[in-house]
């Protein structure tokens, strides 16, 4: 039987019932990790767990709003209770809003984009880093977006929030340089999800990266083989 890369590791997948989060959580479970996912809707989590029966040590979940610092702190306390560890954080939480020019936008859309795409990552990283420093190891991967590099007419708020996320985790990587903690981002463009297919029915789906392919990149970044990759933003555009 081949060696499982993440045996005896604990991985927290934030947004683990979304299209990419499900693929990431399933991949870590197959590789032997004990996986904890955050979610907001119970039926989505129940459906995901039913698909994972017999895969690795199993998947558990916590219903929590990742932008709520108190809720995240309580979740982490539960994970670490009784000598528990948290080795890996992958943040797949995000949302898209577009179709309007900046002067047509309203404050609620701005706040939604900043909350989902920037604040959640900040709250999660702020919570887990002290624990990773204490235990002497950790891996963090945040999912950004090609839009974060700018020039996204009609999606400026989304682009701004993703640009902020890139800067946040790049700075975090510099701040933890003296600790054995790896911090990186993955940067997709359009990838193959039901929502994207619905939004672009005439597109060539065959050219879009699959969530499972992006998940494999994330697994590599959290592996011992990638220990020299730190502070990177890995482009996973495929041919899009």
Foldseek 3Di string as FASTA:
>chain_A
DDQQQQAPAEEEEEVLLDQLNLLLQLVNQQSAYAYEYEDADVVSVVVSQVVCPPRHPGYHYDHDQLLDLVRLLVVVCVQCPPNHAHAEYEYPFADFDFDDAPVVDDPVVLVRRLSGQPSSVVSNCVNCVVRCQVVQHHEYEYEAEPLCVDDDGGGVSNNVNRVNNLVVQLVVLVVCVVTQYATEYEYEYDADDPVVCVVPVPDDNVQHHHSNVVSVVVVCCSGPVNSVHHSYYHYDHRRD
